[in-house]
Protein backbone atom coordinates (compact mmCIF):
# COMPACT_ATOMS: atom_id res chain seq x y z
CA LEU A 1 10.75 11.05 -3.08
CA ALA A 2 11.61 7.43 -4.06
CA ASN A 3 8.70 6.19 -1.84
CA VAL A 4 6.30 8.80 -3.40
CA ILE A 5 7.28 7.82 -7.01
CA MET A 6 6.97 4.02 -6.12
CA MET A 7 3.60 4.40 -4.63
CA SER A 8 2.40 6.57 -7.60
CA ALA A 9 3.65 3.81 -10.09
CA ALA A 10 1.78 1.19 -7.95
CA PHE A 11 -1.51 3.13 -8.55
CA ILE A 12 -0.71 3.32 -12.23
CA ILE A 13 -0.23 -0.41 -12.75
CA ASN A 14 -3.32 -0.96 -10.62
CA ASP A 15 -5.47 1.27 -12.89
CA ILE A 16 -4.07 -0.36 -16.08
CA GLU A 17 -4.89 -3.89 -14.73
CA ASP A 18 -8.23 -2.96 -13.18
CA ALA A 19 -9.49 -0.82 -16.18
CA PRO A 20 -11.73 -3.71 -17.71
CA ASP A 21 -13.35 -4.23 -14.31
CA ASP A 22 -13.61 -0.50 -13.40
CA ALA A 23 -15.38 0.14 -16.74
CA ARG A 24 -18.41 -1.79 -15.43
CA ASP A 25 -18.94 0.65 -12.54
CA ALA A 26 -19.71 4.37 -13.20
CA LYS A 27 -17.90 5.86 -10.27
CA LYS A 28 -14.79 3.77 -10.73
CA ARG A 29 -14.84 4.33 -14.50
CA MET A 30 -14.68 8.18 -13.84
CA ARG A 31 -11.78 7.71 -11.52
CA ASN A 32 -9.76 5.31 -13.68
CA VAL A 33 -8.04 7.24 -16.68
CA ILE A 34 -7.62 4.03 -18.51
CA SER A 35 -11.30 2.99 -18.34
CA ASN A 36 -12.65 6.39 -19.36
CA GLY A 37 -10.17 6.76 -22.25
CA THR A 38 -8.22 9.74 -20.89
CA LEU A 39 -5.00 7.88 -21.22
CA ASP A 40 -4.17 4.94 -23.43
CA GLU A 41 -2.82 1.72 -21.93
CA THR A 42 0.52 1.75 -23.87
CA THR A 43 1.32 5.40 -22.64
CA ALA A 44 0.38 4.30 -19.17
CA ARG A 45 2.74 1.39 -19.27
CA LEU A 46 5.58 3.55 -20.46
CA VAL A 47 4.95 5.97 -17.54
CA PHE A 48 4.81 3.18 -15.14
CA TRP A 49 8.18 1.65 -16.12
CA GLY A 50 9.78 5.02 -16.35
CA MET A 51 8.67 6.07 -12.85
CA CYS A 52 9.91 2.47 -11.64
CA ALA A 53 13.31 3.36 -13.02
CA VAL A 54 13.40 6.72 -11.48
CA SER A 55 12.30 5.33 -8.19
CA PHE A 56 14.92 2.52 -8.07
CA GLY A 57 17.65 5.13 -9.22
CA LEU A 58 16.71 7.15 -6.10
CA TYR A 59 16.68 4.11 -3.78
CA ALA A 60 20.13 3.23 -5.03
CA LEU A 61 21.49 6.62 -3.89
CA GLY A 62 20.61 5.84 -0.43
CA GLY A 63 23.06 2.74 -0.34
CA PRO A 64 22.78 -0.93 -0.78
CA TRP A 65 20.15 -1.40 1.88
CA THR A 66 17.68 1.05 0.52
CA ALA A 67 18.42 -0.39 -3.02
CA LEU A 68 17.57 -3.76 -1.80
CA TRP A 69 14.45 -3.03 0.12
CA GLY A 70 13.36 -0.51 -2.69
CA GLY A 71 13.88 -3.10 -5.35
CA VAL A 72 11.73 -5.61 -3.33
CA THR A 73 9.03 -2.96 -2.93
CA LEU A 74 8.87 -2.15 -6.71
CA VAL A 75 8.54 -5.89 -7.36
CA ILE A 76 5.64 -6.10 -4.92
CA ALA A 77 4.06 -2.94 -6.47
CA TYR A 78 4.03 -4.65 -9.85
CA THR A 79 3.08 -8.20 -8.77
CA TYR A 80 0.26 -7.05 -6.60
CA SER A 81 -1.80 -5.82 -9.61
CA ALA A 82 -0.31 -7.34 -12.73
CA ARG A 83 -1.62 -10.46 -14.29
CA PRO A 84 -1.01 -13.33 -14.15
CA ILE A 85 0.56 -13.17 -10.53
CA ARG A 86 -2.01 -10.53 -9.46
CA LEU A 87 -1.51 -10.78 -5.65
CA LYS A 88 -4.43 -8.73 -5.03
CA SER A 89 -6.73 -11.50 -6.24
CA ARG A 90 -5.46 -14.09 -3.80
CA PRO A 91 -7.06 -14.41 -0.31
CA ILE A 92 -4.73 -13.62 2.69
CA VAL A 93 -1.92 -12.95 0.20
CA ASP A 94 -3.65 -9.88 -0.97
CA VAL A 95 -3.84 -8.24 2.63
CA VAL A 96 -0.18 -9.42 3.45
CA SER A 97 1.29 -8.14 0.33
CA HIS A 98 -0.60 -4.75 0.63
CA ALA A 99 0.43 -4.37 4.23
CA TYR A 100 4.11 -5.20 3.57
CA GLY A 101 4.41 -3.31 0.25
CA ALA A 102 2.56 -0.12 1.26
CA GLY A 103 3.34 -0.21 4.96
CA THR A 104 6.30 -2.16 6.13
CA GLN A 105 8.67 -1.49 3.38
CA VAL A 106 8.02 2.34 3.17
CA ILE A 107 9.02 2.72 6.73
CA ILE A 108 12.05 0.28 6.64
CA ILE A 109 13.30 1.93 3.49
CA GLY A 110 13.27 5.39 5.31
CA TYR A 111 14.81 3.90 8.44
CA PHE A 112 17.54 2.06 6.75
CA LEU A 113 18.92 5.30 5.28
CA TYR A 114 20.25 6.01 8.70
CA ASP A 115 20.46 2.73 10.75
CA ALA A 116 20.56 -0.89 9.88
CA ASN A 117 19.13 -1.92 13.36
CA PRO A 118 15.50 -0.56 13.74
CA SER A 119 15.35 -1.83 17.37
CA ALA A 120 12.38 -0.01 19.20
CA ALA A 121 11.37 1.46 15.78
CA TRP A 122 9.72 -2.02 15.10
CA TYR A 123 6.68 -0.55 17.07
CA VAL A 124 6.29 2.05 14.28
CA ILE A 125 6.92 -0.34 11.63
CA ILE A 126 4.16 -2.77 12.97
CA ALA A 127 1.73 0.06 13.52
CA VAL A 128 2.14 1.33 9.92
CA THR A 129 1.81 -2.21 8.50
CA LEU A 130 -1.42 -2.88 10.35
CA ILE A 131 -2.73 0.61 9.31
CA SER A 132 -1.97 -0.47 5.71
CA ALA A 133 -3.82 -3.68 6.30
CA TYR A 134 -6.77 -1.76 7.53
CA GLY A 135 -6.65 0.38 4.29
CA GLN A 136 -6.79 -2.79 2.12
CA PHE A 137 -9.92 -4.17 4.12
CA TYR A 138 -11.49 -0.74 3.76
CA ASN A 139 -11.00 -0.80 0.07
CA GLN A 140 -12.03 -4.32 -0.41
CA LEU A 141 -15.30 -3.62 1.62
CA ASP A 142 -15.93 -0.51 -0.50
CA ASP A 143 -15.41 -2.54 -3.74
CA TYR A 144 -17.21 -5.65 -2.42
CA ASP A 145 -20.16 -5.73 -4.85
CA VAL A 146 -18.04 -4.85 -8.01
CA ASP A 147 -15.24 -7.30 -7.08
CA LYS A 148 -17.73 -10.13 -6.37
CA ALA A 149 -19.56 -9.50 -9.76
CA ALA A 150 -16.02 -9.54 -11.47
CA GLY A 151 -15.25 -12.90 -9.95
CA LEU A 152 -12.58 -11.68 -7.67
CA ASN A 153 -11.64 -14.02 -4.85
CA ASN A 154 -10.03 -11.68 -2.24
CA THR A 155 -9.90 -11.88 1.58
CA THR A 156 -13.06 -9.98 2.35
CA ILE A 157 -15.07 -11.96 -0.12
CA LEU A 158 -13.71 -15.09 1.56
CA MET A 159 -14.30 -13.81 5.10
CA GLY A 160 -17.71 -12.11 4.45
CA LYS A 161 -18.54 -8.51 5.06
CA GLY A 162 -19.35 -8.98 8.85
CA LEU A 163 -15.92 -10.64 9.85
CA ALA A 164 -13.87 -8.51 7.43
CA THR A 165 -15.39 -5.37 9.21
CA VAL A 166 -14.45 -6.61 12.57
CA THR A 167 -10.84 -7.44 11.45
CA MET A 168 -10.57 -4.11 9.86
CA TYR A 169 -11.23 -2.22 13.05
CA ALA A 170 -9.01 -4.53 15.06
CA PHE A 171 -6.27 -3.45 12.79
CA LEU A 172 -6.78 0.11 13.89
CA VAL A 173 -6.58 -0.64 17.67
CA ILE A 174 -3.35 -2.50 17.71
CA PRO A 175 -1.37 0.43 16.06
CA VAL A 176 -2.56 2.79 18.79
CA ILE A 177 -0.91 0.41 21.33
CA CYS A 178 2.29 0.23 19.23
CA ILE A 179 2.50 4.06 19.06
CA ILE A 180 2.13 4.29 22.83
CA LEU A 181 4.93 1.79 23.20
CA ALA A 182 7.14 3.69 20.68
CA LEU A 183 6.49 6.92 22.70
CA GLU A 184 7.56 5.26 25.82
CA ALA A 185 10.70 3.97 24.15
CA ALA A 186 11.46 7.46 22.86
CA VAL A 187 11.64 6.40 19.21
CA PHE A 188 10.38 9.91 18.39
CA PRO A 189 9.75 13.09 20.40
CA GLN A 190 6.31 12.99 22.09
CA TRP A 191 5.38 16.33 20.46
CA LEU A 192 5.60 14.67 17.13
CA ALA A 193 2.62 12.54 17.84
CA THR A 194 0.42 15.58 18.30
CA VAL A 195 1.56 16.93 14.86
CA ALA A 196 0.94 13.54 13.22
CA LEU A 197 -2.46 13.48 14.75
CA ILE A 198 -3.27 17.12 13.72
CA GLY A 199 -2.00 16.27 10.13
CA ALA A 200 -4.03 13.03 9.96
CA LEU A 201 -7.29 14.71 10.92
CA THR A 202 -6.49 17.68 8.49
CA CYS A 203 -5.89 15.24 5.77
């Protein structure tokens, strides 16, 4: 629940900070409630900070480790989009912070509820981290023209569409290997992989 609220809060601050840029694109303007005037910025910021407080409170209930990792994740969720830091606008840092904040941390927090030594579970952590990096490249490629027009200098713009696309798909291949290794190490029951695959395809 804490992770779901944290991720929702991250999308809220992203919509707030991206509102001026999103207003220039018809599709993104319709998707962003700040850009299209459905919600005012002040209310959105109050909702964001309120959700951060609730999320951290829930992390704290999980003990000191989850409170620590949860707090770090919330900081990344904010600094990823918020000016003047805006990690998403810095080449390489944008992919690393997204992969870490929306991938690594989410799994580590869940794991540290039960065990402070992930051991073979690192395979799963690496897989989710790289899938998150794939998601970042996917979003940047989708927003390439708008971001370039807005003067954003992210990793995809730095690399160019061709190299970024190849890198994106590479970040899908390695997780498959990691999940196979995780299955061999019996990190989770093999039947769970089937459920996860069916669930992913359904979504």
